[in-house]
């Protein structure tokens, strides 16, 4: 596993270390996954985020459901268990989740929604506002390094993502027996890049080029990163949006599993077009996202 998905120090990337940039470039083009270490986001913020996530999902279902807004495709708030279905699948994923975005003002695109205040968990929004800022800053830094691997200016993505439609997703996979091992079935992410916080729980697997599923291993302090479909689209598949899934192994203890990915999106008015083809007409980020949300049954 170590030779498939590299661990890359953020400190080295920030210094434009050639070995780190080469390792990043290789990972992006081969399988689209890498692990970031030495990122300086306070580890206690990760622990607090998971603590508050568990507090929310432990609330009574009647309380959680009042925060569910299906008409918004779950853009903010709570999405109940068994709602999201991976693209091309018929069986829903075994999860419930919460979406939290940026603190918006009138400088953001009007289609980016405000966050929903949770009154039952004290300081819930405060914790996730802090985490969003930290993850968004890290995502912006990583995009600069990714730009360099593509021979683009380091600030190539700044304009489209500085007021982007990014979000934190708090996921709860309830305890499940061994009858259905797929907590989240094979899928690729929609966005530019994904940053997964504290992926130390077993179950996340990446599909390599031969079709083999490889378990992802990292410590709680590390951040697992991967390329999404939007990035694959604008790079004409030079960068890979790799299929991945979450499984429950038969040897795993029957218990809840929690996960917090950060999905970095551009602003809805961003034109997603090839960085290589001048005549590419592209597609608006809003339309691309809207189509995918319908496909995974969030509408």
C-alpha atoms as a PDB file:
ATOM      1  CA  UNK A   1       0.000   0.000   0.000  1.00  0.00           C
ATOM      2  CA  UNK A   2       2.802   2.414   0.856  1.00  0.00           C
ATOM      3  CA  UNK A   3       4.174   2.253  -2.690  1.00  0.00           C
ATOM      4  CA  UNK A   4       0.741   2.864  -4.231  1.00  0.00           C
ATOM      5  CA  UNK A   5      -0.595   5.858  -2.318  1.00  0.00           C
ATOM      6  CA  UNK A   6       2.275   8.132  -1.252  1.00  0.00           C
ATOM      7  CA  UNK A   7       2.469  10.158   1.944  1.00  0.00           C
ATOM      8  CA  UNK A   8       3.524  13.704   1.135  1.00  0.00           C
ATOM      9  CA  UNK A   9       4.562  16.377   3.620  1.00  0.00           C
ATOM     10  CA  UNK A  10       2.732  19.671   3.179  1.00  0.00           C
ATOM     11  CA  UNK A  11       5.856  21.452   4.405  1.00  0.00           C
ATOM     12  CA  UNK A  12       7.795  19.966   1.496  1.00  0.00           C
ATOM     13  CA  UNK A  13       5.098  20.913  -0.995  1.00  0.00           C
ATOM     14  CA  UNK A  14       5.075  24.490   0.275  1.00  0.00           C
ATOM     15  CA  UNK A  15       8.808  24.691  -0.368  1.00  0.00           C
ATOM     16  CA  UNK A  16       8.230  23.334  -3.910  1.00  0.00           C
ATOM     17  CA  UNK A  17      10.401  20.332  -3.078  1.00  0.00           C
ATOM     18  CA  UNK A  18      10.993  18.566  -6.407  1.00  0.00           C
ATOM     19  CA  UNK A  19      10.711  15.033  -4.965  1.00  0.00           C
ATOM     20  CA  UNK A  20       7.370  15.864  -3.336  1.00  0.00           C
ATOM     21  CA  UNK A  21       6.014  17.496  -6.490  1.00  0.00           C
ATOM     22  CA  UNK A  22       7.114  14.499  -8.554  1.00  0.00           C
ATOM     23  CA  UNK A  23       5.481  12.136  -6.073  1.00  0.00           C
ATOM     24  CA  UNK A  24       2.283  14.203  -6.203  1.00  0.00           C
ATOM     25  CA  UNK A  25       2.319  14.285 -10.012  1.00  0.00           C
ATOM     26  CA  UNK A  26       2.771  10.511 -10.211  1.00  0.00           C
ATOM     27  CA  UNK A  27      -0.041   9.854  -7.734  1.00  0.00           C
ATOM     28  CA  UNK A  28      -2.440  12.191  -9.542  1.00  0.00           C
ATOM     29  CA  UNK A  29      -1.838  10.644 -12.943  1.00  0.00           C
ATOM     30  CA  UNK A  30      -1.800   7.014 -11.801  1.00  0.00           C
ATOM     31  CA  UNK A  31      -4.627   6.701  -9.289  1.00  0.00           C
ATOM     32  CA  UNK A  32      -5.663  10.141  -8.047  1.00  0.00           C
ATOM     33  CA  UNK A  33      -5.060   9.491  -4.328  1.00  0.00           C
ATOM     34  CA  UNK A  34      -2.364  10.697  -1.916  1.00  0.00           C
ATOM     35  CA  UNK A  35      -1.963  11.311   1.826  1.00  0.00           C
ATOM     36  CA  UNK A  36      -0.931  14.675   3.291  1.00  0.00           C
ATOM     37  CA  UNK A  37       1.159  14.805   6.467  1.00  0.00           C
ATOM     38  CA  UNK A  38       2.523  17.771   8.467  1.00  0.00           C
ATOM     39  CA  UNK A  39      -0.397  19.997   7.534  1.00  0.00           C
ATOM     40  CA  UNK A  40      -0.562  22.072  10.767  1.00  0.00           C
ATOM     41  CA  UNK A  41      -4.334  21.849  11.227  1.00  0.00           C
ATOM     42  CA  UNK A  42      -4.815  21.387  15.003  1.00  0.00           C
ATOM     43  CA  UNK A  43      -5.418  17.724  15.763  1.00  0.00           C
ATOM     44  CA  UNK A  44      -7.743  18.625  18.615  1.00  0.00           C
ATOM     45  CA  UNK A  45     -10.041  20.285  16.066  1.00  0.00           C
ATOM     46  CA  UNK A  46     -10.338  16.912  14.286  1.00  0.00           C
ATOM     47  CA  UNK A  47     -11.208  15.197  17.573  1.00  0.00           C
ATOM     48  CA  UNK A  48     -13.751  17.875  18.429  1.00  0.00           C
ATOM     49  CA  UNK A  49     -15.333  17.621  14.969  1.00  0.00           C
ATOM     50  CA  UNK A  50     -15.846  13.883  15.338  1.00  0.00           C
ATOM     51  CA  UNK A  51     -17.184  14.371  18.858  1.00  0.00           C
ATOM     52  CA  UNK A  52     -19.741  16.920  17.681  1.00  0.00           C
ATOM     53  CA  UNK A  53     -20.642  14.832  14.645  1.00  0.00           C
ATOM     54  CA  UNK A  54     -21.442  11.902  16.917  1.00  0.00           C
ATOM     55  CA  UNK A  55     -23.484  14.171  19.194  1.00  0.00           C
ATOM     56  CA  UNK A  56     -25.645  15.248  16.276  1.00  0.00           C
ATOM     57  CA  UNK A  57     -26.233  11.766  14.866  1.00  0.00           C
ATOM     58  CA  UNK A  58     -27.152  10.526  18.346  1.00  0.00           C
ATOM     59  CA  UNK A  59     -30.105  12.935  18.409  1.00  0.00           C
ATOM     60  CA  UNK A  60     -33.584  11.497  18.063  1.00  0.00           C
ATOM     61  CA  UNK A  61     -34.603  10.926  14.445  1.00  0.00           C
ATOM     62  CA  UNK A  62     -37.554  13.302  14.778  1.00  0.00           C
ATOM     63  CA  UNK A  63     -35.104  16.084  15.662  1.00  0.00           C
ATOM     64  CA  UNK A  64     -32.700  15.253  12.843  1.00  0.00           C
ATOM     65  CA  UNK A  65     -35.518  15.101  10.301  1.00  0.00           C
ATOM     66  CA  UNK A  66     -36.524  18.701  10.983  1.00  0.00           C
ATOM     67  CA  UNK A  67     -33.157  19.662   9.482  1.00  0.00           C
ATOM     68  CA  UNK A  68     -33.802  17.712   6.271  1.00  0.00           C
ATOM     69  CA  UNK A  69     -34.605  19.741   3.155  1.00  0.00           C
ATOM     70  CA  UNK A  70     -34.991  17.427   0.185  1.00  0.00           C
ATOM     71  CA  UNK A  71     -35.992  20.285  -2.118  1.00  0.00           C
ATOM     72  CA  UNK A  72     -32.413  21.581  -1.791  1.00  0.00           C
ATOM     73  CA  UNK A  73     -30.921  18.172  -2.683  1.00  0.00           C
ATOM     74  CA  UNK A  74     -29.359  18.056   0.746  1.00  0.00           C
ATOM     75  CA  UNK A  75     -27.087  21.015  -0.056  1.00  0.00           C
ATOM     76  CA  UNK A  76     -27.251  22.011   3.604  1.00  0.00           C
ATOM     77  CA  UNK A  77     -28.481  20.158   6.646  1.00  0.00           C
ATOM     78  CA  UNK A  78     -29.435  16.531   7.181  1.00  0.00           C
ATOM     79  CA  UNK A  79     -29.913  13.728   4.661  1.00  0.00           C
ATOM     80  CA  UNK A  80     -31.571  10.635   6.195  1.00  0.00           C
ATOM     81  CA  UNK A  81     -30.259   7.089   6.135  1.00  0.00           C
ATOM     82  CA  UNK A  82     -30.628   5.192   2.864  1.00  0.00           C
ATOM     83  CA  UNK A  83     -31.270   8.247   0.687  1.00  0.00           C
ATOM     84  CA  UNK A  84     -28.101   8.634  -1.419  1.00  0.00           C
ATOM     85  CA  UNK A  85     -27.508   6.007  -4.099  1.00  0.00           C
ATOM     86  CA  UNK A  86     -24.141   5.781  -5.862  1.00  0.00           C
ATOM     87  CA  UNK A  87     -24.134   6.559  -9.595  1.00  0.00           C
ATOM     88  CA  UNK A  88     -25.247   3.479 -11.540  1.00  0.00           C
ATOM     89  CA  UNK A  89     -26.326   1.592  -8.408  1.00  0.00           C
ATOM     90  CA  UNK A  90     -29.835   0.589  -7.312  1.00  0.00           C
ATOM     91  CA  UNK A  91     -29.144  -0.147  -3.618  1.00  0.00           C
ATOM     92  CA  UNK A  92     -28.781   2.977  -1.400  1.00  0.00           C
ATOM     93  CA  UNK A  93     -25.665   3.560   0.667  1.00  0.00           C
ATOM     94  CA  UNK A  94     -25.860   2.633   4.353  1.00  0.00           C
ATOM     95  CA  UNK A  95     -25.341   6.125   5.727  1.00  0.00           C
ATOM     96  CA  UNK A  96     -26.884   9.355   6.953  1.00  0.00           C
ATOM     97  CA  UNK A  97     -25.056  12.670   6.637  1.00  0.00           C
ATOM     98  CA  UNK A  98     -24.939  16.424   7.255  1.00  0.00           C
ATOM     99  CA  UNK A  99     -23.721  19.179   4.908  1.00  0.00           C
ATOM    100  CA  UNK A 100     -21.999  22.346   6.158  1.00  0.00           C
ATOM    101  CA  UNK A 101     -20.632  25.044   3.862  1.00  0.00           C
ATOM    102  CA  UNK A 102     -18.928  28.425   4.049  1.00  0.00           C
ATOM    103  CA  UNK A 103     -20.217  31.391   6.006  1.00  0.00           C
ATOM    104  CA  UNK A 104     -21.683  33.291   3.062  1.00  0.00           C
ATOM    105  CA  UNK A 105     -22.232  36.994   2.439  1.00  0.00           C
ATOM    106  CA  UNK A 106     -23.314  39.026  -0.580  1.00  0.00           C
ATOM    107  CA  UNK A 107     -19.962  38.434  -2.320  1.00  0.00           C
ATOM    108  CA  UNK A 108     -20.841  34.756  -2.850  1.00  0.00           C
ATOM    109  CA  UNK A 109     -22.885  33.391  -5.749  1.00  0.00           C
ATOM    110  CA  UNK A 110     -26.564  33.522  -4.745  1.00  0.00           C
ATOM    111  CA  UNK A 111     -26.905  29.763  -5.324  1.00  0.00           C
ATOM    112  CA  UNK A 112     -24.532  28.974  -2.455  1.00  0.00           C
ATOM    113  CA  UNK A 113     -26.778  28.430   0.541  1.00  0.00           C
ATOM    114  CA  UNK A 114     -26.408  29.587   4.117  1.00  0.00           C
ATOM    115  CA  UNK A 115     -25.622  27.065   6.805  1.00  0.00           C
ATOM    116  CA  UNK A 116     -28.335  25.718   9.066  1.00  0.00           C
ATOM    117  CA  UNK A 117     -28.037  26.459  12.769  1.00  0.00           C
ATOM    118  CA  UNK A 118     -28.313  23.410  15.052  1.00  0.00           C
ATOM    119  CA  UNK A 119     -29.813  24.478  18.357  1.00  0.00           C
ATOM    120  CA  UNK A 120     -29.712  21.081  20.091  1.00  0.00           C
ATOM    121  CA  UNK A 121     -25.894  20.756  20.054  1.00  0.00           C
ATOM    122  CA  UNK A 122     -24.166  23.733  21.696  1.00  0.00           C
ATOM    123  CA  UNK A 123     -21.354  25.266  19.582  1.00  0.00           C
ATOM    124  CA  UNK A 124     -22.074  22.866  16.682  1.00  0.00           C
ATOM    125  CA  UNK A 125     -21.861  25.563  14.020  1.00  0.00           C
ATOM    126  CA  UNK A 126     -18.871  27.232  15.674  1.00  0.00           C
ATOM    127  CA  UNK A 127     -16.840  24.015  15.522  1.00  0.00           C
ATOM    128  CA  UNK A 128     -17.662  23.282  11.890  1.00  0.00           C
ATOM    129  CA  UNK A 129     -17.187  26.895  10.781  1.00  0.00           C
ATOM    130  CA  UNK A 130     -13.618  26.627  12.131  1.00  0.00           C
ATOM    131  CA  UNK A 131     -13.045  23.270  10.489  1.00  0.00           C
ATOM    132  CA  UNK A 132     -14.422  24.501   7.158  1.00  0.00           C
ATOM    133  CA  UNK A 133     -12.007  27.448   7.132  1.00  0.00           C
ATOM    134  CA  UNK A 134      -9.023  25.208   7.910  1.00  0.00           C
ATOM    135  CA  UNK A 135      -9.920  22.637   5.258  1.00  0.00           C
ATOM    136  CA  UNK A 136     -10.727  25.272   2.650  1.00  0.00           C
ATOM    137  CA  UNK A 137      -7.344  26.926   3.232  1.00  0.00           C
ATOM    138  CA  UNK A 138      -5.574  23.581   2.921  1.00  0.00           C
ATOM    139  CA  UNK A 139      -7.494  22.771  -0.249  1.00  0.00           C
ATOM    140  CA  UNK A 140      -6.427  26.088  -1.786  1.00  0.00           C
ATOM    141  CA  UNK A 141      -2.787  25.331  -0.967  1.00  0.00           C
ATOM    142  CA  UNK A 142      -2.998  21.864  -2.497  1.00  0.00           C
ATOM    143  CA  UNK A 143      -4.567  23.270  -5.666  1.00  0.00           C
ATOM    144  CA  UNK A 144      -1.491  25.473  -6.059  1.00  0.00           C
ATOM    145  CA  UNK A 145       0.777  22.410  -5.979  1.00  0.00           C
ATOM    146  CA  UNK A 146      -1.533  20.528  -8.328  1.00  0.00           C
ATOM    147  CA  UNK A 147      -1.421  23.503 -10.722  1.00  0.00           C
ATOM    148  CA  UNK A 148       2.372  23.320 -10.786  1.00  0.00           C
ATOM    149  CA  UNK A 149       2.269  19.609 -11.703  1.00  0.00           C
ATOM    150  CA  UNK A 150       0.097  20.616 -14.689  1.00  0.00           C
ATOM    151  CA  UNK A 151       2.487  23.402 -15.758  1.00  0.00           C
ATOM    152  CA  UNK A 152      -0.145  25.980 -14.866  1.00  0.00           C
ATOM    153  CA  UNK A 153       0.329  29.177 -12.838  1.00  0.00           C
ATOM    154  CA  UNK A 154       0.122  28.380  -9.120  1.00  0.00           C
ATOM    155  CA  UNK A 155      -2.911  30.686  -8.745  1.00  0.00           C
ATOM    156  CA  UNK A 156      -4.832  29.070 -11.635  1.00  0.00           C
ATOM    157  CA  UNK A 157      -7.756  27.941  -9.437  1.00  0.00           C
ATOM    158  CA  UNK A 158      -7.820  30.910  -7.052  1.00  0.00           C
ATOM    159  CA  UNK A 159     -10.544  32.941  -8.736  1.00  0.00           C
ATOM    160  CA  UNK A 160     -12.970  30.034  -9.169  1.00  0.00           C
ATOM    161  CA  UNK A 161     -12.546  28.577  -5.668  1.00  0.00           C
ATOM    162  CA  UNK A 162     -11.979  31.583  -3.370  1.00  0.00           C
ATOM    163  CA  UNK A 163     -15.768  31.884  -3.017  1.00  0.00           C
ATOM    164  CA  UNK A 164     -16.501  28.302  -3.985  1.00  0.00           C
ATOM    165  CA  UNK A 165     -19.432  25.988  -3.338  1.00  0.00           C
ATOM    166  CA  UNK A 166     -17.339  23.693  -1.124  1.00  0.00           C
ATOM    167  CA  UNK A 167     -18.768  21.702   1.753  1.00  0.00           C
ATOM    168  CA  UNK A 168     -18.014  19.516   4.731  1.00  0.00           C
ATOM    169  CA  UNK A 169     -19.922  16.260   4.890  1.00  0.00           C
ATOM    170  CA  UNK A 170     -20.371  14.623   8.299  1.00  0.00           C
ATOM    171  CA  UNK A 171     -21.162  10.948   7.689  1.00  0.00           C
ATOM    172  CA  UNK A 172     -22.530   8.308  10.028  1.00  0.00           C
ATOM    173  CA  UNK A 173     -22.599   4.679   8.955  1.00  0.00           C
ATOM    174  CA  UNK A 174     -24.791   2.956  11.593  1.00  0.00           C
ATOM    175  CA  UNK A 175     -23.825  -0.497  12.900  1.00  0.00           C
ATOM    176  CA  UNK A 176     -24.537  -3.123  10.258  1.00  0.00           C
ATOM    177  CA  UNK A 177     -24.343  -6.885  10.085  1.00  0.00           C
ATOM    178  CA  UNK A 178     -22.386  -8.803   7.475  1.00  0.00           C
ATOM    179  CA  UNK A 179     -25.306  -9.250   5.046  1.00  0.00           C
ATOM    180  CA  UNK A 180     -24.386  -6.088   3.109  1.00  0.00           C
ATOM    181  CA  UNK A 181     -20.677  -5.232   3.241  1.00  0.00           C
ATOM    182  CA  UNK A 182     -21.045  -2.051   1.173  1.00  0.00           C
ATOM    183  CA  UNK A 183     -21.552   0.946   3.422  1.00  0.00           C
ATOM    184  CA  UNK A 184     -20.860   3.207   0.427  1.00  0.00           C
ATOM    185  CA  UNK A 185     -20.792   1.492  -2.939  1.00  0.00           C
ATOM    186  CA  UNK A 186     -18.275   2.173  -5.685  1.00  0.00           C
ATOM    187  CA  UNK A 187     -18.332   5.830  -6.695  1.00  0.00           C
ATOM    188  CA  UNK A 188     -16.193   8.765  -7.780  1.00  0.00           C
ATOM    189  CA  UNK A 189     -16.470  12.237  -6.274  1.00  0.00           C
ATOM    190  CA  UNK A 190     -18.107  15.094  -8.176  1.00  0.00           C
ATOM    191  CA  UNK A 191     -15.843  17.987  -7.173  1.00  0.00           C
ATOM    192  CA  UNK A 192     -12.299  19.215  -7.897  1.00  0.00           C
ATOM    193  CA  UNK A 193     -10.522  17.578  -4.947  1.00  0.00           C
ATOM    194  CA  UNK A 194     -11.622  15.836  -1.759  1.00  0.00           C
ATOM    195  CA  UNK A 195      -9.843  15.988   1.596  1.00  0.00           C
ATOM    196  CA  UNK A 196     -10.758  13.254   4.076  1.00  0.00           C
ATOM    197  CA  UNK A 197     -10.141  13.967   7.746  1.00  0.00           C
ATOM    198  CA  UNK A 198      -8.843  11.252  10.047  1.00  0.00           C
ATOM    199  CA  UNK A 199      -9.315   8.229   7.794  1.00  0.00           C
ATOM    200  CA  UNK A 200      -7.975   5.808  10.395  1.00  0.00           C
ATOM    201  CA  UNK A 201     -11.129   3.682  10.516  1.00  0.00           C
ATOM    202  CA  UNK A 202     -10.909   0.609   8.265  1.00  0.00           C
ATOM    203  CA  UNK A 203     -13.123   0.300   5.217  1.00  0.00           C
ATOM    204  CA  UNK A 204     -12.039   2.900   2.644  1.00  0.00           C
ATOM    205  CA  UNK A 205     -10.777   1.193  -0.519  1.00  0.00           C
ATOM    206  CA  UNK A 206      -9.406   2.534  -3.820  1.00  0.00           C
ATOM    207  CA  UNK A 207      -9.753   0.749  -7.162  1.00  0.00           C
ATOM    208  CA  UNK A 208      -6.451   0.477  -9.022  1.00  0.00           C
ATOM    209  CA  UNK A 209      -5.982   0.274 -12.784  1.00  0.00           C
ATOM    210  CA  UNK A 210      -6.192  -3.531 -12.761  1.00  0.00           C
ATOM    211  CA  UNK A 211      -9.549  -3.441 -10.962  1.00  0.00           C
ATOM    212  CA  UNK A 212      -8.107  -4.541  -7.626  1.00  0.00           C
ATOM    213  CA  UNK A 213      -9.428  -2.916  -4.457  1.00  0.00           C
ATOM    214  CA  UNK A 214      -6.692  -1.510  -2.211  1.00  0.00           C
ATOM    215  CA  UNK A 215      -7.380  -0.559   1.451  1.00  0.00           C
ATOM    216  CA  UNK A 216      -6.387   3.007   2.329  1.00  0.00           C
ATOM    217  CA  UNK A 217      -4.307   3.235   5.497  1.00  0.00           C
ATOM    218  CA  UNK A 218      -3.456   6.459   7.312  1.00  0.00           C
ATOM    219  CA  UNK A 219      -3.219   7.848  10.816  1.00  0.00           C
ATOM    220  CA  UNK A 220      -5.934  10.002  12.373  1.00  0.00           C
ATOM    221  CA  UNK A 221      -3.746  13.101  11.982  1.00  0.00           C
ATOM    222  CA  UNK A 222      -3.190  12.634   8.250  1.00  0.00           C
ATOM    223  CA  UNK A 223      -5.510  13.777   5.462  1.00  0.00           C
ATOM    224  CA  UNK A 224      -6.352  11.513   2.523  1.00  0.00           C
ATOM    225  CA  UNK A 225      -6.782  13.471  -0.709  1.00  0.00           C
ATOM    226  CA  UNK A 226      -8.247  12.494  -4.058  1.00  0.00           C
ATOM    227  CA  UNK A 227      -9.197  13.931  -7.419  1.00  0.00           C
ATOM    228  CA  UNK A 228     -12.855  14.437  -8.330  1.00  0.00           C
ATOM    229  CA  UNK A 229     -14.735  14.328 -11.621  1.00  0.00           C
ATOM    230  CA  UNK A 230     -14.562  18.083 -12.210  1.00  0.00           C
ATOM    231  CA  UNK A 231     -10.764  17.986 -12.117  1.00  0.00           C
ATOM    232  CA  UNK A 232     -10.715  14.921 -14.356  1.00  0.00           C
ATOM    233  CA  UNK A 233     -12.983  16.755 -16.803  1.00  0.00           C
ATOM    234  CA  UNK A 234     -10.923  19.921 -17.145  1.00  0.00           C
ATOM    235  CA  UNK A 235      -7.646  17.957 -17.451  1.00  0.00           C
ATOM    236  CA  UNK A 236      -9.044  15.627 -20.135  1.00  0.00           C
ATOM    237  CA  UNK A 237      -8.452  12.657 -17.789  1.00  0.00           C
ATOM    238  CA  UNK A 238      -4.767  13.433 -17.339  1.00  0.00           C
ATOM    239  CA  UNK A 239      -5.670  13.514 -13.649  1.00  0.00           C
ATOM    240  CA  UNK A 240      -7.707  10.520 -12.531  1.00  0.00           C
ATOM    241  CA  UNK A 241     -10.957  10.581 -10.574  1.00  0.00           C
ATOM    242  CA  UNK A 242     -10.563   7.151  -9.055  1.00  0.00           C
ATOM    243  CA  UNK A 243     -13.469   4.925  -7.978  1.00  0.00           C
ATOM    244  CA  UNK A 244     -13.529   4.173  -4.260  1.00  0.00           C
ATOM    245  CA  UNK A 245     -15.893   2.606  -1.750  1.00  0.00           C
ATOM    246  CA  UNK A 246     -16.445   2.009   1.967  1.00  0.00           C
ATOM    247  CA  UNK A 247     -16.901  -1.571   3.129  1.00  0.00           C
ATOM    248  CA  UNK A 248     -17.439  -3.389   6.391  1.00  0.00           C
ATOM    249  CA  UNK A 249     -15.124  -6.359   6.710  1.00  0.00           C
ATOM    250  CA  UNK A 250     -16.535  -9.462   8.372  1.00  0.00           C
ATOM    251  CA  UNK A 251     -13.790  -9.247  10.967  1.00  0.00           C
ATOM    252  CA  UNK A 252     -14.740  -5.665  11.911  1.00  0.00           C
ATOM    253  CA  UNK A 253     -16.575  -5.000  15.127  1.00  0.00           C
ATOM    254  CA  UNK A 254     -20.266  -4.235  14.594  1.00  0.00           C
ATOM    255  CA  UNK A 255     -20.331  -0.550  15.468  1.00  0.00           C
ATOM    256  CA  UNK A 256     -20.939   2.902  14.007  1.00  0.00           C
ATOM    257  CA  UNK A 257     -18.404   4.378  11.612  1.00  0.00           C
ATOM    258  CA  UNK A 258     -17.921   8.131  11.269  1.00  0.00           C
ATOM    259  CA  UNK A 259     -16.239  10.038   8.458  1.00  0.00           C
ATOM    260  CA  UNK A 260     -15.721  13.730   7.552  1.00  0.00           C
ATOM    261  CA  UNK A 261     -14.729  14.502   3.945  1.00  0.00           C
ATOM    262  CA  UNK A 262     -14.305  18.041   2.624  1.00  0.00           C
ATOM    263  CA  UNK A 263     -15.403  18.480  -0.990  1.00  0.00           C
ATOM    264  CA  UNK A 264     -13.709  21.436  -2.699  1.00  0.00           C
ATOM    265  CA  UNK A 265     -15.956  22.907  -5.395  1.00  0.00           C
ATOM    266  CA  UNK A 266     -15.611  25.973  -7.615  1.00  0.00           C
ATOM    267  CA  UNK A 267     -18.234  28.701  -7.620  1.00  0.00           C
ATOM    268  CA  UNK A 268     -21.456  27.715  -9.471  1.00  0.00           C
ATOM    269  CA  UNK A 269     -20.755  30.231 -12.270  1.00  0.00           C
ATOM    270  CA  UNK A 270     -17.354  28.645 -13.080  1.00  0.00           C
ATOM    271  CA  UNK A 271     -17.047  27.301 -16.613  1.00  0.00           C
ATOM    272  CA  UNK A 272     -15.497  23.831 -16.435  1.00  0.00           C
ATOM    273  CA  UNK A 273     -13.545  23.525 -19.672  1.00  0.00           C
ATOM    274  CA  UNK A 274     -10.400  21.808 -20.864  1.00  0.00           C
ATOM    275  CA  UNK A 275      -7.130  23.447 -19.866  1.00  0.00           C
ATOM    276  CA  UNK A 276      -5.655  22.029 -23.073  1.00  0.00           C
ATOM    277  CA  UNK A 277      -8.301  22.761 -25.735  1.00  0.00           C
ATOM    278  CA  UNK A 278      -9.077  26.390 -26.512  1.00  0.00           C
ATOM    279  CA  UNK A 279     -12.241  25.488 -28.440  1.00  0.00           C
ATOM    280  CA  UNK A 280     -13.814  23.405 -25.640  1.00  0.00           C
ATOM    281  CA  UNK A 281     -17.247  24.872 -24.848  1.00  0.00           C
ATOM    282  CA  UNK A 282     -17.233  23.443 -21.320  1.00  0.00           C
ATOM    283  CA  UNK A 283     -20.099  23.160 -18.822  1.00  0.00           C
ATOM    284  CA  UNK A 284     -21.104  25.379 -15.907  1.00  0.00           C
ATOM    285  CA  UNK A 285     -20.114  23.972 -12.508  1.00  0.00           C
ATOM    286  CA  UNK A 286     -23.697  24.507 -11.303  1.00  0.00           C
ATOM    287  CA  UNK A 287     -25.142  22.428 -14.152  1.00  0.00           C
ATOM    288  CA  UNK A 288     -22.536  19.693 -13.760  1.00  0.00           C
ATOM    289  CA  UNK A 289     -23.275  19.396 -10.022  1.00  0.00           C
ATOM    290  CA  UNK A 290     -27.050  19.580 -10.480  1.00  0.00           C
ATOM    291  CA  UNK A 291     -27.039  16.736 -12.994  1.00  0.00           C
ATOM    292  CA  UNK A 292     -24.967  14.516 -10.717  1.00  0.00           C
ATOM    293  CA  UNK A 293     -27.130  15.224  -7.654  1.00  0.00           C
ATOM    294  CA  UNK A 294     -30.167  14.037  -9.591  1.00  0.00           C
ATOM    295  CA  UNK A 295     -28.279  10.940 -10.750  1.00  0.00           C
ATOM    296  CA  UNK A 296     -27.432   9.916  -7.172  1.00  0.00           C
ATOM    297  CA  UNK A 297     -31.056  10.496  -6.128  1.00  0.00           C
ATOM    298  CA  UNK A 298     -30.590  13.480  -3.840  1.00  0.00           C
ATOM    299  CA  UNK A 299     -33.441  15.263  -5.639  1.00  0.00           C
END
